[in-house]
Amino acid sequence: MSKPKAAGVTTRRLLFKLEEALNISFNNQQLLALALTHSSYANENTLPQSNERLEFLGDSILNMVVSYTLYLNFPQASEGELAKYKSFLVSEESLLQSAVNLKLADYLLLGRGEKITGGDSRPSILADAMEAIIAAIYLDKGFGEAESFILTQLAAQFTAVKTNTYERNYKSLLQEFCQKKYKDLPLYRLVDSSGPEHKKIYTIELLINNKVIAAGSGGNKKMAEQQAAAKAYEQLVGAYG
């Protein structure tokens, strides 16, 4: 495996520091370095690969561990409830929370342009790096270590699911999904408002690529948009996995 050009960013000292934060000592430390290597950095430095393949593998491992853990710990939950819990636990916002706790932004290898435009704080980049790290742990230490890491990092999120105290920003989630899947953003359109001025009900339609996907209602436009986004997100993620 080619060694990434650290360029003073991901030095051995920093990798050891990250290992301490992860509570894992890698046999092949270059797997960890690769997990931190964004495509912009790989392209800029003509490296043979970035962390994208690791991200692909890590996503599958994450989904398997979370699904199995939910199956064991929520024996009374229906398939739909389990799917909802899983959607939250493996979401970008969930992974972002763990990435922030680990201060992962301090270790990312980004191209100059990506770094200048704030790539080290971009939720998608941080979440992708978390998935890549999961894969690196799996390849270096085995499934048990990867499973233990995932459950440790998502402990707070699992607690939120158990106590039903988690809330999701579906507008943000849907926007991220649409950018990746359709290269387009959702459009919210007010189609109705009814009731007295102090107690109006607003109805919002949500369109993607000029097609109505869902509608939501609420006491204000923001609530209606969130409801529409929640319906659309659950529908689309269910359809595309």
Protein backbone atom coordinates (compact mmCIF):
# COMPACT_ATOMS: atom_id res chain seq x y z
CA MET A 1 0.00 0.00 0.00
CA SER A 2 1.40 3.38 -0.96
CA LYS A 3 2.17 5.69 1.90
CA PRO A 4 0.25 9.01 1.71
CA LYS A 5 2.37 12.13 1.54
CA ALA A 6 1.76 13.55 4.98
CA ALA A 7 2.84 17.09 4.05
CA GLY A 8 3.21 17.89 7.73
CA VAL A 9 -0.45 17.07 8.43
CA THR A 10 -0.80 13.39 9.23
CA THR A 11 2.62 12.66 10.73
CA ARG A 12 3.36 9.52 12.70
CA ARG A 13 3.01 11.59 15.85
CA LEU A 14 -0.50 12.63 14.89
CA LEU A 15 -1.42 9.10 13.91
CA PHE A 16 -0.29 7.86 17.32
CA LYS A 17 -2.37 10.62 18.90
CA LEU A 18 -5.43 9.55 16.93
CA GLU A 19 -4.82 5.92 17.90
CA GLU A 20 -4.98 7.04 21.53
CA ALA A 21 -8.30 8.78 20.87
CA LEU A 22 -9.63 5.67 19.11
CA ASN A 23 -8.18 3.45 21.85
CA ILE A 24 -6.76 1.20 19.13
CA SER A 25 -3.15 0.45 18.19
CA PHE A 26 -2.89 -0.43 14.50
CA ASN A 27 -0.59 -3.15 13.24
CA ASN A 28 -0.57 -1.41 9.85
CA GLN A 29 -0.73 2.29 10.63
CA GLN A 30 -0.97 3.14 6.94
CA LEU A 31 -4.52 1.78 6.90
CA LEU A 32 -5.41 4.52 9.36
CA ALA A 33 -3.58 7.12 7.26
CA LEU A 34 -5.48 5.98 4.18
CA ALA A 35 -8.80 6.23 6.05
CA LEU A 36 -8.04 9.93 6.57
CA THR A 37 -7.08 10.60 2.94
CA HIS A 38 -9.83 12.49 1.10
CA SER A 39 -10.06 12.19 -2.67
CA SER A 40 -9.09 15.86 -3.07
CA TYR A 41 -5.76 15.18 -1.35
CA ALA A 42 -5.17 11.96 -3.29
CA ASN A 43 -5.82 13.74 -6.60
CA GLU A 44 -3.64 16.68 -5.68
CA ASN A 45 -0.74 14.43 -4.72
CA THR A 46 -1.25 11.81 -7.46
CA LEU A 47 -1.84 9.03 -4.93
CA PRO A 48 -3.24 5.72 -6.20
CA GLN A 49 -6.25 5.77 -3.89
CA SER A 50 -8.22 7.76 -1.33
CA ASN A 51 -10.43 6.60 1.54
CA GLU A 52 -13.43 5.97 -0.75
CA ARG A 53 -13.01 2.18 -0.96
CA LEU A 54 -12.61 1.98 2.81
CA GLU A 55 -15.71 4.12 3.19
CA PHE A 56 -17.67 1.65 1.04
CA LEU A 57 -16.61 -1.28 3.20
CA GLY A 58 -17.08 0.60 6.47
CA ASP A 59 -20.65 1.53 5.54
CA SER A 60 -21.56 -2.16 5.18
CA ILE A 61 -19.89 -3.13 8.46
CA LEU A 62 -21.63 -0.27 10.28
CA ASN A 63 -25.04 -1.28 8.94
CA MET A 64 -24.51 -4.92 9.89
CA VAL A 65 -23.38 -4.15 13.46
CA VAL A 66 -26.19 -1.67 14.08
CA SER A 67 -28.84 -3.97 12.59
CA TYR A 68 -27.70 -6.94 14.67
CA THR A 69 -27.49 -4.88 17.88
CA LEU A 70 -30.97 -3.46 17.35
CA TYR A 71 -32.34 -6.94 16.64
CA LEU A 72 -30.93 -8.25 19.92
CA ASN A 73 -31.80 -5.28 22.11
CA PHE A 74 -35.29 -4.42 20.84
CA PRO A 75 -37.09 -7.79 20.72
CA GLN A 76 -40.54 -6.15 20.78
CA ALA A 77 -39.84 -3.61 18.02
CA SER A 78 -41.49 -4.04 14.64
CA GLU A 79 -39.53 -4.09 11.39
CA GLY A 80 -40.59 -0.50 10.72
CA GLU A 81 -39.43 0.66 14.15
CA LEU A 82 -36.09 -1.12 13.76
CA ALA A 83 -35.62 0.50 10.35
CA LYS A 84 -36.33 3.93 11.85
CA TYR A 85 -33.81 3.38 14.67
CA LYS A 86 -31.21 2.11 12.25
CA SER A 87 -31.75 5.08 9.92
CA PHE A 88 -30.90 7.41 12.80
CA LEU A 89 -27.93 5.43 14.12
CA VAL A 90 -26.12 5.10 10.77
CA SER A 91 -27.03 8.60 9.59
CA GLU A 92 -24.58 11.33 8.75
CA GLU A 93 -25.61 13.31 11.83
CA SER A 94 -24.93 10.31 14.08
CA LEU A 95 -21.49 9.69 12.59
CA LEU A 96 -20.76 13.41 12.70
CA GLN A 97 -21.38 13.47 16.44
CA SER A 98 -18.75 10.76 16.91
CA ALA A 99 -16.33 12.45 14.52
CA VAL A 100 -16.60 15.72 16.46
CA ASN A 101 -16.03 13.91 19.76
CA LEU A 102 -12.86 12.37 18.33
CA LYS A 103 -11.75 15.74 16.88
CA LEU A 104 -11.35 13.94 13.57
CA ALA A 105 -11.08 17.22 11.65
CA ASP A 106 -7.59 17.67 13.11
CA TYR A 107 -6.35 14.58 11.29
CA LEU A 108 -7.97 14.73 7.84
CA LEU A 109 -5.85 14.88 4.70
CA LEU A 110 -7.57 17.34 2.37
CA GLY A 111 -6.56 19.05 -0.86
CA ARG A 112 -5.77 22.76 -0.62
CA GLY A 113 -9.03 23.88 -2.24
CA GLU A 114 -11.14 21.56 -0.09
CA LYS A 115 -9.41 22.76 3.05
CA ILE A 116 -9.80 26.44 2.14
CA THR A 117 -13.53 25.99 1.60
CA GLY A 118 -14.01 24.37 5.01
CA GLY A 119 -13.86 20.71 4.08
CA ASP A 120 -12.54 19.77 7.51
CA SER A 121 -15.88 20.80 9.02
CA ARG A 122 -18.12 19.43 6.27
CA PRO A 123 -20.46 16.80 7.77
CA SER A 124 -20.32 14.47 4.77
CA ILE A 125 -16.51 14.38 4.75
CA LEU A 126 -16.30 13.72 8.50
CA ALA A 127 -18.99 11.03 8.37
CA ASP A 128 -17.29 9.34 5.41
CA ALA A 129 -13.98 9.35 7.28
CA MET A 130 -15.67 7.63 10.24
CA GLU A 131 -16.88 4.85 7.94
CA ALA A 132 -13.39 4.55 6.45
CA ILE A 133 -11.87 4.24 9.93
CA ILE A 134 -14.35 1.46 10.76
CA ALA A 135 -13.16 -0.43 7.68
CA ALA A 136 -9.51 0.20 8.55
CA ILE A 137 -10.08 -1.24 12.02
CA TYR A 138 -11.85 -4.26 10.54
CA LEU A 139 -9.03 -4.97 8.08
CA ASP A 140 -6.32 -4.47 10.68
CA LYS A 141 -7.87 -5.93 13.84
CA GLY A 142 -10.85 -8.03 12.76
CA PHE A 143 -14.61 -7.86 13.07
CA GLY A 144 -14.76 -8.00 16.88
CA GLU A 145 -12.61 -4.90 17.27
CA ALA A 146 -14.61 -3.03 14.63
CA GLU A 147 -17.88 -3.98 16.33
CA SER A 148 -16.58 -2.85 19.72
CA PHE A 149 -15.44 0.47 18.23
CA ILE A 150 -18.82 1.12 16.59
CA LEU A 151 -20.79 0.35 19.76
CA THR A 152 -18.48 2.57 21.84
CA GLN A 153 -18.68 5.48 19.42
CA LEU A 154 -22.48 5.22 19.06
CA ALA A 155 -23.20 4.59 22.74
CA ALA A 156 -24.85 7.98 23.25
CA GLN A 157 -26.93 7.56 20.11
CA PHE A 158 -28.10 4.09 21.20
CA THR A 159 -29.10 5.58 24.56
CA ALA A 160 -31.08 8.27 22.77
CA VAL A 161 -32.92 5.57 20.81
CA LYS A 162 -33.65 3.53 23.95
CA THR A 163 -35.04 6.58 25.76
CA ASN A 164 -36.77 7.91 22.64
CA THR A 165 -35.06 11.27 23.05
CA TYR A 166 -33.51 11.62 19.61
CA GLU A 167 -34.69 14.17 17.08
CA ARG A 168 -33.70 14.36 13.45
CA ASN A 169 -33.25 17.34 11.18
CA TYR A 170 -34.90 15.78 8.16
CA LYS A 171 -34.45 18.85 5.98
CA SER A 172 -30.67 18.60 6.33
CA LEU A 173 -30.69 14.84 5.85
CA LEU A 174 -32.85 15.07 2.76
CA GLN A 175 -30.72 17.83 1.26
CA GLU A 176 -27.58 15.72 1.70
CA PHE A 177 -29.29 12.67 0.23
CA CYS A 178 -30.59 14.60 -2.80
CA GLN A 179 -27.19 16.15 -3.50
CA LYS A 180 -25.61 12.70 -3.60
CA LYS A 181 -28.40 10.84 -5.37
CA TYR A 182 -29.87 13.39 -7.78
CA LYS A 183 -27.29 16.21 -7.88
CA ASP A 184 -30.23 18.48 -7.09
CA LEU A 185 -31.85 20.09 -4.05
CA PRO A 186 -35.42 19.60 -2.78
CA LEU A 187 -37.87 22.45 -3.37
CA TYR A 188 -40.56 23.40 -0.83
CA ARG A 189 -43.76 24.98 -2.14
CA LEU A 190 -46.60 26.44 -0.08
CA VAL A 191 -49.88 25.09 -1.47
CA ASP A 192 -52.39 26.00 1.23
CA SER A 193 -52.94 27.92 4.45
CA SER A 194 -56.21 27.70 6.34
CA GLY A 195 -57.77 28.62 9.66
CA PRO A 196 -57.84 31.82 11.72
CA GLU A 197 -54.79 34.05 11.74
CA HIS A 198 -53.71 32.96 15.22
CA LYS A 199 -54.15 29.26 14.43
CA LYS A 200 -53.25 28.78 10.79
CA ILE A 201 -52.37 25.42 9.30
CA TYR A 202 -49.84 25.49 6.47
CA THR A 203 -49.48 22.77 3.84
CA ILE A 204 -46.18 22.42 2.00
CA GLU A 205 -45.39 20.24 -1.01
CA LEU A 206 -41.86 18.92 -1.46
CA LEU A 207 -40.55 18.53 -5.01
CA ILE A 208 -37.43 16.84 -6.34
CA ASN A 209 -36.58 17.29 -9.99
CA ASN A 210 -39.96 19.06 -10.41
CA LYS A 211 -41.84 16.00 -9.12
CA VAL A 212 -43.99 16.14 -5.95
CA ILE A 213 -42.59 13.56 -3.54
CA ALA A 214 -44.42 14.36 -0.29
CA ALA A 215 -46.48 16.95 1.56
CA GLY A 216 -46.57 18.11 5.17
CA SER A 217 -48.74 20.29 7.37
CA GLY A 218 -48.05 22.28 10.51
CA GLY A 219 -48.75 25.35 12.58
CA ASN A 220 -45.98 27.20 10.76
CA LYS A 221 -44.11 26.77 7.50
CA LYS A 222 -41.01 25.35 9.19
CA MET A 223 -42.99 22.57 10.86
CA ALA A 224 -44.76 21.75 7.59
CA GLU A 225 -41.45 21.61 5.72
CA GLN A 226 -39.92 19.31 8.34
CA GLN A 227 -42.90 16.95 8.13
CA ALA A 228 -42.71 16.87 4.34
CA ALA A 229 -38.95 16.29 4.50
CA ALA A 230 -39.39 13.44 7.01
CA LYS A 231 -41.91 11.69 4.77
CA ALA A 232 -39.77 12.14 1.68
CA TYR A 233 -36.57 11.02 3.41
CA GLU A 234 -38.04 7.85 4.88
CA GLN A 235 -39.65 7.06 1.51
CA LEU A 236 -36.50 7.62 -0.54
CA VAL A 237 -34.05 5.99 1.85
CA GLY A 238 -36.36 2.99 2.06
CA ALA A 239 -36.45 2.79 -1.72
CA TYR A 240 -32.72 3.18 -2.29
CA GLY A 241 -31.38 1.61 0.92
